[in-house]
Amino acid sequence: MNIPDLRQEYLRAILDEKMAASDPFVQFKRWFKEALAAELPMANAMTLATVSPTGRPSARTVLLKHLDDQGFVFFTNYESRKGKELAANRAASLLFYWAELERQVRIEGVVEKIPPRESDDYFAQRPLLARHAAIASQQSAVIADRKLLEKRFANTVEQCGGDPPRPAHWGGYRVTPEIIEFWQGRESRLHDRLRYSRIGTHWKIERLAP
């Protein structure tokens, strides 16, 4: 394997100011719809980056579960590493990468918990065993071995039955964007990058050098 030789040319599409929507949410929905139409695997997967109180960054993949004009919603354990970091520092970023379409979307903003009722509604829609897992798992905590996890899960299934309530430590977050950047791969690495910056109630569009 020669890693430096792993390269490809980007030739699929272009992105210019004339074709881009004036609202980044409209532009994102347009691209997301195209990703779904292309049947990309897990098109709603996004990298979430957070920062610890000491300034150490961390990133992991989560799933977009709701999108509206306020922001991007995902669900997780509030007591996990990312939950604790978001409690200490509400700044976060998201990254969607659709390799087959040669596209990226980068989002920077602030995070807040969604209302408990909305988390309740989503939790009730999850597969039953996934609900049990959310209750049983102390996400990000050190555990002795997998047997302990499986025992906790089995106990939760037995105790909570067929209609487990949402645990207080689990729910949704909304990332409200301040910056959204759309990246379209182009030939010779002269990529198209359009950045939307929130200015009050409006969005400013700027082209960035690749």
N, C-alpha and C. Protein backbone atom coordinates (compact mmCIF):
# COMPACT_ATOMS: atom_id res chain seq x y z
N MET A 1 0.84 -1.20 0.00
CA MET A 1 0.00 0.00 0.00
C MET A 1 0.88 1.26 0.00
N ASN A 2 0.62 2.14 -0.95
CA ASN A 2 1.35 3.41 -1.02
C ASN A 2 0.34 4.53 -0.79
N ILE A 3 0.23 4.97 0.44
CA ILE A 3 -0.80 5.94 0.81
C ILE A 3 -0.72 7.23 -0.01
N PRO A 4 0.46 7.79 -0.28
CA PRO A 4 0.49 9.03 -1.07
C PRO A 4 -0.12 8.90 -2.46
N ASP A 5 -0.18 7.66 -2.98
CA ASP A 5 -0.75 7.47 -4.31
C ASP A 5 -2.27 7.29 -4.29
N LEU A 6 -2.87 7.30 -3.11
CA LEU A 6 -4.33 7.20 -3.03
C LEU A 6 -4.91 8.57 -3.33
N ARG A 7 -5.38 8.75 -4.53
CA ARG A 7 -5.92 10.03 -4.95
C ARG A 7 -6.98 9.83 -6.02
N GLN A 8 -7.82 10.82 -6.21
CA GLN A 8 -8.81 10.77 -7.27
C GLN A 8 -9.06 12.19 -7.76
N GLU A 9 -9.60 12.28 -8.96
CA GLU A 9 -9.97 13.58 -9.51
C GLU A 9 -11.45 13.80 -9.27
N TYR A 10 -11.83 15.04 -8.98
CA TYR A 10 -13.22 15.38 -8.69
C TYR A 10 -13.84 16.02 -9.94
N LEU A 11 -14.84 15.33 -10.50
CA LEU A 11 -15.37 15.78 -11.79
C LEU A 11 -16.90 15.79 -11.84
N ARG A 12 -17.57 15.51 -10.74
CA ARG A 12 -19.01 15.25 -10.81
C ARG A 12 -19.86 16.50 -10.99
N ALA A 13 -19.53 17.59 -10.30
CA ALA A 13 -20.46 18.73 -10.28
C ALA A 13 -19.72 20.02 -9.98
N ILE A 14 -20.48 21.12 -10.02
CA ILE A 14 -19.95 22.43 -9.67
C ILE A 14 -20.90 23.07 -8.67
N LEU A 15 -20.41 24.11 -7.99
CA LEU A 15 -21.24 24.89 -7.08
C LEU A 15 -20.82 26.35 -7.21
N ASP A 16 -21.74 27.17 -7.73
CA ASP A 16 -21.41 28.59 -7.82
C ASP A 16 -22.52 29.42 -7.19
N GLU A 17 -22.26 30.69 -7.04
CA GLU A 17 -23.18 31.57 -6.34
C GLU A 17 -24.53 31.68 -7.04
N LYS A 18 -24.55 31.57 -8.36
CA LYS A 18 -25.79 31.70 -9.11
C LYS A 18 -26.73 30.53 -8.86
N MET A 19 -26.18 29.35 -8.67
CA MET A 19 -27.01 28.17 -8.49
C MET A 19 -27.32 27.88 -7.02
N ALA A 20 -26.60 28.49 -6.11
CA ALA A 20 -26.79 28.22 -4.69
C ALA A 20 -27.99 28.98 -4.15
N ALA A 21 -28.70 28.36 -3.23
CA ALA A 21 -29.84 29.02 -2.58
C ALA A 21 -29.33 30.13 -1.67
N SER A 22 -30.16 31.15 -1.47
CA SER A 22 -29.78 32.25 -0.59
C SER A 22 -29.84 31.86 0.88
N ASP A 23 -30.61 30.82 1.19
CA ASP A 23 -30.74 30.32 2.56
C ASP A 23 -29.99 28.99 2.66
N PRO A 24 -29.06 28.85 3.61
CA PRO A 24 -28.27 27.62 3.69
C PRO A 24 -29.10 26.39 4.04
N PHE A 25 -30.20 26.57 4.76
CA PHE A 25 -31.05 25.43 5.08
C PHE A 25 -31.70 24.88 3.81
N VAL A 26 -32.10 25.78 2.92
CA VAL A 26 -32.65 25.35 1.63
C VAL A 26 -31.58 24.62 0.83
N GLN A 27 -30.37 25.15 0.83
CA GLN A 27 -29.27 24.51 0.10
C GLN A 27 -28.95 23.14 0.70
N PHE A 28 -28.93 23.07 2.04
CA PHE A 28 -28.64 21.78 2.66
C PHE A 28 -29.71 20.76 2.32
N LYS A 29 -30.98 21.14 2.41
CA LYS A 29 -32.06 20.20 2.11
C LYS A 29 -31.97 19.72 0.66
N ARG A 30 -31.54 20.61 -0.22
CA ARG A 30 -31.37 20.24 -1.62
C ARG A 30 -30.30 19.15 -1.76
N TRP A 31 -29.17 19.39 -1.13
CA TRP A 31 -28.08 18.40 -1.20
C TRP A 31 -28.45 17.12 -0.47
N PHE A 32 -29.10 17.23 0.67
CA PHE A 32 -29.46 16.04 1.43
C PHE A 32 -30.46 15.19 0.64
N LYS A 33 -31.40 15.84 -0.03
CA LYS A 33 -32.35 15.11 -0.86
C LYS A 33 -31.62 14.37 -1.98
N GLU A 34 -30.59 14.99 -2.55
CA GLU A 34 -29.83 14.33 -3.61
C GLU A 34 -29.01 13.17 -3.05
N ALA A 35 -28.52 13.29 -1.82
CA ALA A 35 -27.79 12.19 -1.20
C ALA A 35 -28.73 11.01 -0.95
N LEU A 36 -29.95 11.29 -0.53
CA LEU A 36 -30.93 10.22 -0.33
C LEU A 36 -31.32 9.58 -1.65
N ALA A 37 -31.51 10.41 -2.68
CA ALA A 37 -31.88 9.89 -3.99
C ALA A 37 -30.79 9.00 -4.56
N ALA A 38 -29.54 9.30 -4.22
CA ALA A 38 -28.41 8.50 -4.69
C ALA A 38 -28.25 7.22 -3.87
N GLU A 39 -29.10 7.07 -2.86
CA GLU A 39 -29.09 5.89 -1.98
C GLU A 39 -27.73 5.69 -1.33
N LEU A 40 -27.14 6.78 -0.87
CA LEU A 40 -25.86 6.69 -0.17
C LEU A 40 -26.07 6.01 1.18
N PRO A 41 -25.13 5.18 1.61
CA PRO A 41 -25.28 4.53 2.90
C PRO A 41 -25.20 5.55 4.03
N MET A 42 -26.21 5.54 4.89
CA MET A 42 -26.24 6.42 6.06
C MET A 42 -25.97 7.88 5.68
N ALA A 43 -26.78 8.39 4.79
CA ALA A 43 -26.61 9.77 4.34
C ALA A 43 -26.78 10.77 5.48
N ASN A 44 -27.44 10.35 6.56
CA ASN A 44 -27.65 11.25 7.70
C ASN A 44 -26.55 11.16 8.74
N ALA A 45 -25.49 10.41 8.46
CA ALA A 45 -24.36 10.33 9.39
C ALA A 45 -23.56 11.63 9.34
N MET A 46 -23.20 12.13 10.51
CA MET A 46 -22.44 13.38 10.59
C MET A 46 -21.43 13.29 11.72
N THR A 47 -20.27 13.86 11.50
CA THR A 47 -19.26 13.92 12.54
C THR A 47 -19.57 15.10 13.45
N LEU A 48 -19.61 14.83 14.74
CA LEU A 48 -19.83 15.87 15.75
C LEU A 48 -18.52 16.10 16.49
N ALA A 49 -18.04 17.34 16.48
CA ALA A 49 -16.83 17.70 17.19
C ALA A 49 -17.18 18.59 18.37
N THR A 50 -16.61 18.26 19.53
CA THR A 50 -16.80 19.04 20.75
C THR A 50 -15.43 19.36 21.34
N VAL A 51 -15.43 20.18 22.39
CA VAL A 51 -14.18 20.59 23.03
C VAL A 51 -14.32 20.42 24.53
N SER A 52 -13.28 19.86 25.16
CA SER A 52 -13.29 19.67 26.61
C SER A 52 -13.02 20.99 27.31
N PRO A 53 -13.27 21.06 28.61
CA PRO A 53 -12.97 22.29 29.36
C PRO A 53 -11.52 22.73 29.27
N THR A 54 -10.62 21.78 28.99
CA THR A 54 -9.20 22.11 28.87
C THR A 54 -8.78 22.41 27.43
N GLY A 55 -9.76 22.41 26.52
CA GLY A 55 -9.46 22.74 25.13
C GLY A 55 -9.10 21.55 24.26
N ARG A 56 -9.26 20.34 24.76
CA ARG A 56 -8.94 19.15 23.96
C ARG A 56 -10.13 18.79 23.07
N PRO A 57 -9.95 18.75 21.76
CA PRO A 57 -11.07 18.42 20.87
C PRO A 57 -11.31 16.91 20.80
N SER A 58 -12.53 16.53 20.49
CA SER A 58 -12.86 15.13 20.23
C SER A 58 -13.98 15.09 19.19
N ALA A 59 -14.03 14.01 18.45
CA ALA A 59 -15.02 13.89 17.39
C ALA A 59 -15.53 12.47 17.33
N ARG A 60 -16.79 12.34 16.90
CA ARG A 60 -17.39 11.04 16.73
C ARG A 60 -18.56 11.18 15.74
N THR A 61 -19.04 10.06 15.23
CA THR A 61 -20.15 10.09 14.28
C THR A 61 -21.47 9.90 15.01
N VAL A 62 -22.42 10.77 14.73
CA VAL A 62 -23.79 10.64 15.23
C VAL A 62 -24.73 10.73 14.04
N LEU A 63 -26.01 10.56 14.28
CA LEU A 63 -26.98 10.55 13.18
C LEU A 63 -27.93 11.74 13.28
N LEU A 64 -28.11 12.43 12.17
CA LEU A 64 -29.11 13.49 12.09
C LEU A 64 -30.49 12.85 12.16
N LYS A 65 -31.32 13.32 13.10
CA LYS A 65 -32.65 12.74 13.27
C LYS A 65 -33.77 13.73 13.01
N HIS A 66 -33.43 15.02 12.94
CA HIS A 66 -34.45 16.02 12.64
C HIS A 66 -33.75 17.27 12.13
N LEU A 67 -34.39 17.92 11.18
CA LEU A 67 -33.86 19.15 10.61
C LEU A 67 -35.00 20.14 10.45
N ASP A 68 -34.80 21.35 10.97
CA ASP A 68 -35.77 22.42 10.76
C ASP A 68 -35.00 23.72 10.58
N ASP A 69 -35.72 24.83 10.52
CA ASP A 69 -35.06 26.12 10.28
C ASP A 69 -34.29 26.63 11.49
N GLN A 70 -34.36 25.90 12.60
CA GLN A 70 -33.58 26.26 13.77
C GLN A 70 -32.24 25.55 13.80
N GLY A 71 -32.20 24.32 13.29
CA GLY A 71 -30.93 23.62 13.32
C GLY A 71 -31.03 22.13 13.09
N PHE A 72 -29.96 21.45 13.51
CA PHE A 72 -29.76 20.03 13.24
C PHE A 72 -29.85 19.27 14.57
N VAL A 73 -30.71 18.25 14.64
CA VAL A 73 -30.99 17.57 15.90
C VAL A 73 -30.42 16.15 15.88
N PHE A 74 -29.76 15.78 16.98
CA PHE A 74 -29.30 14.41 17.20
C PHE A 74 -29.62 14.03 18.63
N PHE A 75 -29.52 12.73 18.93
CA PHE A 75 -29.86 12.22 20.26
C PHE A 75 -28.69 11.42 20.83
N THR A 76 -28.53 11.50 22.14
CA THR A 76 -27.42 10.79 22.78
C THR A 76 -27.61 10.76 24.28
N ASN A 77 -26.63 10.20 24.96
CA ASN A 77 -26.61 10.15 26.42
C ASN A 77 -26.02 11.47 26.94
N TYR A 78 -26.78 12.17 27.77
CA TYR A 78 -26.31 13.46 28.29
C TYR A 78 -25.08 13.31 29.18
N GLU A 79 -24.86 12.10 29.73
CA GLU A 79 -23.74 11.88 30.64
C GLU A 79 -22.53 11.28 29.94
N SER A 80 -22.58 11.15 28.61
CA SER A 80 -21.44 10.66 27.85
C SER A 80 -20.36 11.74 27.79
N ARG A 81 -19.23 11.40 27.19
CA ARG A 81 -18.17 12.40 27.06
C ARG A 81 -18.66 13.61 26.29
N LYS A 82 -19.34 13.38 25.18
CA LYS A 82 -19.81 14.53 24.40
C LYS A 82 -20.83 15.34 25.16
N GLY A 83 -21.69 14.66 25.94
CA GLY A 83 -22.68 15.37 26.73
C GLY A 83 -22.04 16.26 27.79
N LYS A 84 -21.02 15.74 28.45
CA LYS A 84 -20.33 16.52 29.47
C LYS A 84 -19.58 17.70 28.84
N GLU A 85 -18.99 17.46 27.68
CA GLU A 85 -18.27 18.55 27.01
C GLU A 85 -19.24 19.63 26.54
N LEU A 86 -20.40 19.23 26.05
CA LEU A 86 -21.38 20.22 25.61
C LEU A 86 -21.97 21.00 26.79
N ALA A 87 -22.03 20.36 27.94
CA ALA A 87 -22.51 21.07 29.14
C ALA A 87 -21.51 22.14 29.56
N ALA A 88 -20.22 21.89 29.32
CA ALA A 88 -19.18 22.84 29.70
C ALA A 88 -18.93 23.89 28.63
N ASN A 89 -19.16 23.51 27.37
CA ASN A 89 -18.88 24.41 26.25
C ASN A 89 -19.89 24.11 25.15
N ARG A 90 -20.80 25.03 24.90
CA ARG A 90 -21.89 24.79 23.95
C ARG A 90 -21.46 24.88 22.49
N ALA A 91 -20.23 25.29 22.23
CA ALA A 91 -19.75 25.38 20.85
C ALA A 91 -19.49 23.98 20.30
N ALA A 92 -19.93 23.75 19.06
CA ALA A 92 -19.72 22.45 18.43
C ALA A 92 -19.71 22.62 16.92
N SER A 93 -19.24 21.60 16.23
CA SER A 93 -19.28 21.62 14.77
C SER A 93 -19.74 20.26 14.26
N LEU A 94 -20.33 20.28 13.07
CA LEU A 94 -20.80 19.07 12.40
C LEU A 94 -20.16 18.98 11.03
N LEU A 95 -19.97 17.76 10.56
CA LEU A 95 -19.45 17.56 9.21
C LEU A 95 -20.21 16.42 8.55
N PHE A 96 -20.84 16.71 7.42
CA PHE A 96 -21.40 15.69 6.54
C PHE A 96 -20.41 15.47 5.40
N TYR A 97 -20.12 14.21 5.11
CA TYR A 97 -19.22 13.89 4.00
C TYR A 97 -19.89 12.84 3.12
N TRP A 98 -20.24 13.26 1.90
CA TRP A 98 -20.85 12.36 0.93
C TRP A 98 -19.84 12.11 -0.19
N ALA A 99 -19.00 11.10 0.02
CA ALA A 99 -17.88 10.85 -0.89
C ALA A 99 -18.34 10.60 -2.32
N GLU A 100 -19.42 9.84 -2.46
CA GLU A 100 -19.88 9.49 -3.81
C GLU A 100 -20.31 10.72 -4.61
N LEU A 101 -20.75 11.76 -3.92
CA LEU A 101 -21.16 13.00 -4.58
C LEU A 101 -20.05 14.05 -4.56
N GLU A 102 -18.92 13.68 -3.94
CA GLU A 102 -17.77 14.59 -3.83
C GLU A 102 -18.17 15.89 -3.14
N ARG A 103 -18.88 15.74 -2.01
CA ARG A 103 -19.41 16.90 -1.30
C ARG A 103 -19.17 16.79 0.20
N GLN A 104 -18.99 17.95 0.81
CA GLN A 104 -18.95 18.08 2.26
C GLN A 104 -19.82 19.27 2.67
N VAL A 105 -20.37 19.18 3.87
CA VAL A 105 -21.03 20.32 4.49
C VAL A 105 -20.46 20.47 5.89
N ARG A 106 -19.90 21.62 6.19
CA ARG A 106 -19.34 21.92 7.50
C ARG A 106 -20.24 22.92 8.22
N ILE A 107 -20.55 22.64 9.48
CA ILE A 107 -21.48 23.47 10.25
C ILE A 107 -20.83 23.83 11.58
N GLU A 108 -20.85 25.11 11.92
CA GLU A 108 -20.34 25.57 13.21
C GLU A 108 -21.47 26.31 13.92
N GLY A 109 -21.65 26.03 15.20
CA GLY A 109 -22.72 26.70 15.92
C GLY A 109 -22.71 26.40 17.39
N VAL A 110 -23.85 26.63 18.02
CA VAL A 110 -24.00 26.39 19.45
C VAL A 110 -25.09 25.34 19.65
N VAL A 111 -24.98 24.63 20.77
CA VAL A 111 -25.84 23.49 21.03
C VAL A 111 -26.71 23.74 22.26
N GLU A 112 -27.94 23.25 22.20
CA GLU A 112 -28.81 23.29 23.37
C GLU A 112 -29.68 22.03 23.35
N LYS A 113 -30.12 21.61 24.52
CA LYS A 113 -31.02 20.47 24.60
C LYS A 113 -32.38 20.84 24.03
N ILE A 114 -33.01 19.92 23.35
CA ILE A 114 -34.36 20.16 22.86
C ILE A 114 -35.34 19.94 24.02
N PRO A 115 -36.58 20.42 23.93
CA PRO A 115 -37.56 20.24 25.01
C PRO A 115 -37.76 18.76 25.36
N PRO A 116 -37.93 18.44 26.64
CA PRO A 116 -38.11 17.04 27.06
C PRO A 116 -39.22 16.30 26.30
N ARG A 117 -40.31 16.99 26.00
CA ARG A 117 -41.42 16.33 25.30
C ARG A 117 -40.98 15.83 23.92
N GLU A 118 -40.15 16.60 23.25
CA GLU A 118 -39.67 16.17 21.93
C GLU A 118 -38.75 14.96 22.05
N SER A 119 -37.93 14.94 23.11
CA SER A 119 -37.09 13.76 23.34
C SER A 119 -37.95 12.55 23.68
N ASP A 120 -39.00 12.76 24.48
CA ASP A 120 -39.93 11.66 24.81
C ASP A 120 -40.55 11.07 23.55
N ASP A 121 -41.01 11.95 22.66
CA ASP A 121 -41.67 11.50 21.43
C ASP A 121 -40.72 10.68 20.57
N TYR A 122 -39.48 11.14 20.44
CA TYR A 122 -38.54 10.39 19.61
C TYR A 122 -38.16 9.07 20.27
N PHE A 123 -37.93 9.10 21.58
CA PHE A 123 -37.55 7.87 22.28
C PHE A 123 -38.60 6.80 22.10
N ALA A 124 -39.87 7.18 22.13
CA ALA A 124 -40.97 6.22 21.99
C ALA A 124 -41.00 5.59 20.59
N GLN A 125 -40.39 6.26 19.60
CA GLN A 125 -40.38 5.74 18.23
C GLN A 125 -39.22 4.78 17.98
N ARG A 126 -38.24 4.75 18.88
CA ARG A 126 -37.07 3.91 18.66
C ARG A 126 -37.42 2.42 18.79
N PRO A 127 -36.64 1.54 18.15
CA PRO A 127 -36.85 0.10 18.37
C PRO A 127 -36.75 -0.22 19.87
N LEU A 128 -37.53 -1.16 20.31
CA LEU A 128 -37.62 -1.47 21.73
C LEU A 128 -36.25 -1.79 22.34
N LEU A 129 -35.48 -2.62 21.69
CA LEU A 129 -34.19 -3.01 22.26
C LEU A 129 -33.21 -1.84 22.29
N ALA A 130 -33.35 -0.91 21.35
CA ALA A 130 -32.51 0.29 21.38
C ALA A 130 -32.87 1.16 22.58
N ARG A 131 -34.15 1.18 22.93
CA ARG A 131 -34.57 1.92 24.14
C ARG A 131 -33.99 1.27 25.39
N HIS A 132 -34.03 -0.05 25.42
CA HIS A 132 -33.43 -0.75 26.56
C HIS A 132 -31.93 -0.47 26.65
N ALA A 133 -31.26 -0.44 25.51
CA ALA A 133 -29.82 -0.20 25.50
C ALA A 133 -29.50 1.20 26.01
N ALA A 134 -30.32 2.18 25.65
CA ALA A 134 -30.09 3.55 26.11
C ALA A 134 -30.20 3.64 27.62
N ILE A 135 -31.08 2.84 28.21
CA ILE A 135 -31.25 2.83 29.66
C ILE A 135 -30.09 2.10 30.33
N ALA A 136 -29.68 0.99 29.74
CA ALA A 136 -28.68 0.13 30.38
C ALA A 136 -27.25 0.66 30.28
N SER A 137 -26.93 1.34 29.21
CA SER A 137 -25.54 1.72 28.97
C SER A 137 -25.17 3.03 29.65
N GLN A 138 -24.10 3.01 30.43
CA GLN A 138 -23.51 4.22 30.99
C GLN A 138 -22.46 4.70 29.99
N GLN A 139 -22.92 5.33 28.95
CA GLN A 139 -22.07 5.65 27.80
C GLN A 139 -20.81 6.40 28.20
N SER A 140 -19.69 5.95 27.68
CA SER A 140 -18.35 6.51 27.88
C SER A 140 -17.71 6.12 29.21
N ALA A 141 -18.45 5.44 30.10
CA ALA A 141 -17.88 4.99 31.37
C ALA A 141 -17.04 3.74 31.14
N VAL A 142 -15.99 3.57 31.92
CA VAL A 142 -15.17 2.36 31.86
C VAL A 142 -15.93 1.20 32.48
N ILE A 143 -15.95 0.06 31.78
CA ILE A 143 -16.61 -1.13 32.32
C ILE A 143 -15.61 -2.29 32.32
N ALA A 144 -15.85 -3.25 33.18
CA ALA A 144 -14.91 -4.36 33.35
C ALA A 144 -14.82 -5.23 32.11
N ASP A 145 -15.96 -5.57 31.53
CA ASP A 145 -15.98 -6.43 30.35
C ASP A 145 -17.35 -6.39 29.71
N ARG A 146 -17.49 -7.06 28.57
CA ARG A 146 -18.77 -7.04 27.86
C ARG A 146 -19.85 -7.79 28.63
N LYS A 147 -19.46 -8.82 29.39
CA LYS A 147 -20.44 -9.58 30.15
C LYS A 147 -21.22 -8.68 31.10
N LEU A 148 -20.55 -7.72 31.69
CA LEU A 148 -21.23 -6.79 32.60
C LEU A 148 -22.27 -5.97 31.84
N LEU A 149 -21.90 -5.51 30.65
CA LEU A 149 -22.83 -4.74 29.83
C LEU A 149 -24.05 -5.58 29.45
N GLU A 150 -23.80 -6.81 29.04
CA GLU A 150 -24.89 -7.69 28.64
C GLU A 150 -25.80 -8.02 29.83
N LYS A 151 -25.21 -8.13 31.02
CA LYS A 151 -26.01 -8.40 32.21
C LYS A 151 -26.90 -7.21 32.53
N ARG A 152 -26.35 -6.00 32.45
CA ARG A 152 -27.14 -4.80 32.69
C ARG A 152 -28.28 -4.69 31.67
N PHE A 153 -27.97 -5.03 30.42
CA PHE A 153 -28.99 -4.98 29.37
C PHE A 153 -30.10 -5.98 29.65
N ALA A 154 -29.74 -7.21 30.01
CA ALA A 154 -30.74 -8.24 30.29
C ALA A 154 -31.61 -7.83 31.48
N ASN A 155 -31.00 -7.24 32.49
CA ASN A 155 -31.77 -6.79 33.65
C ASN A 155 -32.74 -5.68 33.26
N THR A 156 -32.29 -4.78 32.38
CA THR A 156 -33.15 -3.68 31.94
C THR A 156 -34.34 -4.21 31.15
N VAL A 157 -34.09 -5.16 30.26
CA VAL A 157 -35.17 -5.76 29.48
C VAL A 157 -36.21 -6.38 30.41
N GLU A 158 -35.73 -7.09 31.43
CA GLU A 158 -36.64 -7.76 32.37
C GLU A 158 -37.43 -6.75 33.20
N GLN A 159 -36.76 -5.71 33.66
CA GLN A 159 -37.39 -4.76 34.56
C GLN A 159 -38.31 -3.77 33.86
N CYS A 160 -37.91 -3.34 32.65
CA CYS A 160 -38.65 -2.27 31.96
C CYS A 160 -39.72 -2.77 31.01
N GLY A 161 -39.62 -4.01 30.55
CA GLY A 161 -40.66 -4.59 29.72
C GLY A 161 -40.82 -3.94 28.36
N GLY A 162 -42.07 -3.89 27.91
CA GLY A 162 -42.34 -3.48 26.53
C GLY A 162 -42.57 -2.01 26.30
N ASP A 163 -42.55 -1.21 27.36
CA ASP A 163 -42.78 0.22 27.18
C ASP A 163 -41.91 1.03 28.14
N PRO A 164 -40.59 0.95 27.96
CA PRO A 164 -39.70 1.64 28.89
C PRO A 164 -39.76 3.15 28.71
N PRO A 165 -39.79 3.91 29.80
CA PRO A 165 -39.80 5.38 29.69
C PRO A 165 -38.42 5.90 29.32
N ARG A 166 -38.38 7.08 28.73
CA ARG A 166 -37.08 7.68 28.42
C ARG A 166 -36.34 7.99 29.72
N PRO A 167 -35.08 7.55 29.81
CA PRO A 167 -34.31 7.88 31.01
C PRO A 167 -33.91 9.35 31.00
N ALA A 168 -33.77 9.93 32.18
CA ALA A 168 -33.46 11.36 32.28
C ALA A 168 -32.10 11.70 31.68
N HIS A 169 -31.22 10.68 31.58
CA HIS A 169 -29.87 10.95 31.09
C HIS A 169 -29.77 10.87 29.56
N TRP A 170 -30.87 10.74 28.87
CA TRP A 170 -30.83 10.54 27.42
C TRP A 170 -31.82 11.49 26.75
N GLY A 171 -31.38 12.10 25.64
CA GLY A 171 -32.28 12.99 24.92
C GLY A 171 -31.62 13.67 23.75
N GLY A 172 -32.27 14.71 23.26
CA GLY A 172 -31.82 15.35 22.03
C GLY A 172 -31.11 16.67 22.25
N TYR A 173 -30.26 16.99 21.27
CA TYR A 173 -29.58 18.28 21.19
C TYR A 173 -29.88 18.89 19.83
N ARG A 174 -29.94 20.21 19.80
CA ARG A 174 -30.06 20.92 18.53
C ARG A 174 -28.83 21.80 18.34
N VAL A 175 -28.16 21.64 17.20
CA VAL A 175 -27.05 22.51 16.83
C VAL A 175 -27.62 23.65 15.99
N THR A 176 -27.58 24.86 16.53
CA THR A 176 -28.05 26.05 15.81
C THR A 176 -26.85 26.66 15.10
N PRO A 177 -26.84 26.66 13.78
CA PRO A 177 -25.63 27.07 13.06
C PRO A 177 -25.42 28.57 13.02
N GLU A 178 -24.17 28.96 13.08
CA GLU A 178 -23.74 30.33 12.85
C GLU A 178 -23.00 30.42 11.52
N ILE A 179 -22.39 29.30 11.11
CA ILE A 179 -21.68 29.20 9.83
C ILE A 179 -22.01 27.85 9.21
N ILE A 180 -22.32 27.85 7.93
CA ILE A 180 -22.49 26.61 7.17
C ILE A 180 -21.69 26.75 5.88
N GLU A 181 -20.79 25.81 5.65
CA GLU A 181 -19.97 25.84 4.43
C GLU A 181 -20.26 24.63 3.56
N PHE A 182 -20.49 24.87 2.29
CA PHE A 182 -20.73 23.82 1.30
C PHE A 182 -19.48 23.65 0.44
N TRP A 183 -19.01 22.43 0.35
CA TRP A 183 -17.78 22.12 -0.40
C TRP A 183 -18.11 21.14 -1.51
N GLN A 184 -17.77 21.51 -2.73
CA GLN A 184 -17.95 20.63 -3.88
C GLN A 184 -16.60 20.38 -4.51
N GLY A 185 -16.19 19.12 -4.58
CA GLY A 185 -14.91 18.79 -5.20
C GLY A 185 -14.88 19.18 -6.66
N ARG A 186 -13.73 19.74 -7.09
CA ARG A 186 -13.56 20.16 -8.48
C ARG A 186 -12.22 19.67 -9.03
N GLU A 187 -12.13 19.70 -10.33
CA GLU A 187 -10.92 19.23 -11.02
C GLU A 187 -9.70 20.04 -10.60
N SER A 188 -8.56 19.36 -10.56
CA SER A 188 -7.27 19.97 -10.22
C SER A 188 -7.24 20.56 -8.81
N ARG A 189 -8.13 20.07 -7.97
CA ARG A 189 -8.22 20.52 -6.57
C ARG A 189 -8.66 21.99 -6.44
N LEU A 190 -9.24 22.56 -7.49
CA LEU A 190 -9.78 23.92 -7.42
C LEU A 190 -11.24 23.83 -6.97
N HIS A 191 -11.42 23.37 -5.75
CA HIS A 191 -12.75 23.06 -5.24
C HIS A 191 -13.60 24.32 -5.07
N ASP A 192 -14.92 24.12 -5.12
CA ASP A 192 -15.88 25.19 -4.82
C ASP A 192 -16.20 25.15 -3.33
N ARG A 193 -16.06 26.30 -2.68
CA ARG A 193 -16.40 26.43 -1.26
C ARG A 193 -17.23 27.69 -1.06
N LEU A 194 -18.47 27.51 -0.65
CA LEU A 194 -19.34 28.65 -0.35
C LEU A 194 -19.67 28.63 1.13
N ARG A 195 -19.36 29.74 1.80
CA ARG A 195 -19.60 29.85 3.23
C ARG A 195 -20.76 30.80 3.49
N TYR A 196 -21.74 30.33 4.27
CA TYR A 196 -22.86 31.15 4.72
C TYR A 196 -22.60 31.54 6.18
N SER A 197 -22.59 32.83 6.48
CA SER A 197 -22.40 33.31 7.84
C SER A 197 -23.66 34.05 8.29
N ARG A 198 -24.13 33.72 9.48
CA ARG A 198 -25.35 34.36 9.99
C ARG A 198 -25.05 35.80 10.43
N ILE A 199 -25.76 36.74 9.86
CA ILE A 199 -25.65 38.15 10.23
C ILE A 199 -27.05 38.60 10.66
N GLY A 200 -27.30 38.57 11.97
CA GLY A 200 -28.64 38.88 12.45
C GLY A 200 -29.63 37.82 11.96
N THR A 201 -30.63 38.25 11.20
CA THR A 201 -31.62 37.32 10.66
C THR A 201 -31.31 36.94 9.21
N HIS A 202 -30.18 37.39 8.70
CA HIS A 202 -29.83 37.13 7.31
C HIS A 202 -28.54 36.31 7.23
N TRP A 203 -28.25 35.84 6.01
CA TRP A 203 -27.05 35.05 5.77
C TRP A 203 -26.18 35.73 4.73
N LYS A 204 -24.91 35.84 5.00
CA LYS A 204 -23.94 36.38 4.07
C LYS A 204 -23.23 35.21 3.38
N ILE A 205 -23.14 35.28 2.05
CA ILE A 205 -22.49 34.21 1.28
C ILE A 205 -21.15 34.70 0.77
N GLU A 206 -20.09 33.91 1.01
CA GLU A 206 -18.77 34.25 0.54
C GLU A 206 -18.13 33.01 -0.08
N ARG A 207 -17.34 33.23 -1.12
CA ARG A 207 -16.56 32.13 -1.70
C ARG A 207 -15.20 32.07 -1.03
N LEU A 208 -14.76 30.87 -0.68
CA LEU A 208 -13.47 30.66 -0.06
C LEU A 208 -12.52 29.99 -1.04
N ALA A 209 -11.26 30.32 -0.93
CA ALA A 209 -10.25 29.64 -1.75
C ALA A 209 -10.15 28.19 -1.31
N PRO A 210 -9.94 27.27 -2.24
CA PRO A 210 -9.86 25.84 -1.89
C PRO A 210 -8.57 25.51 -1.13
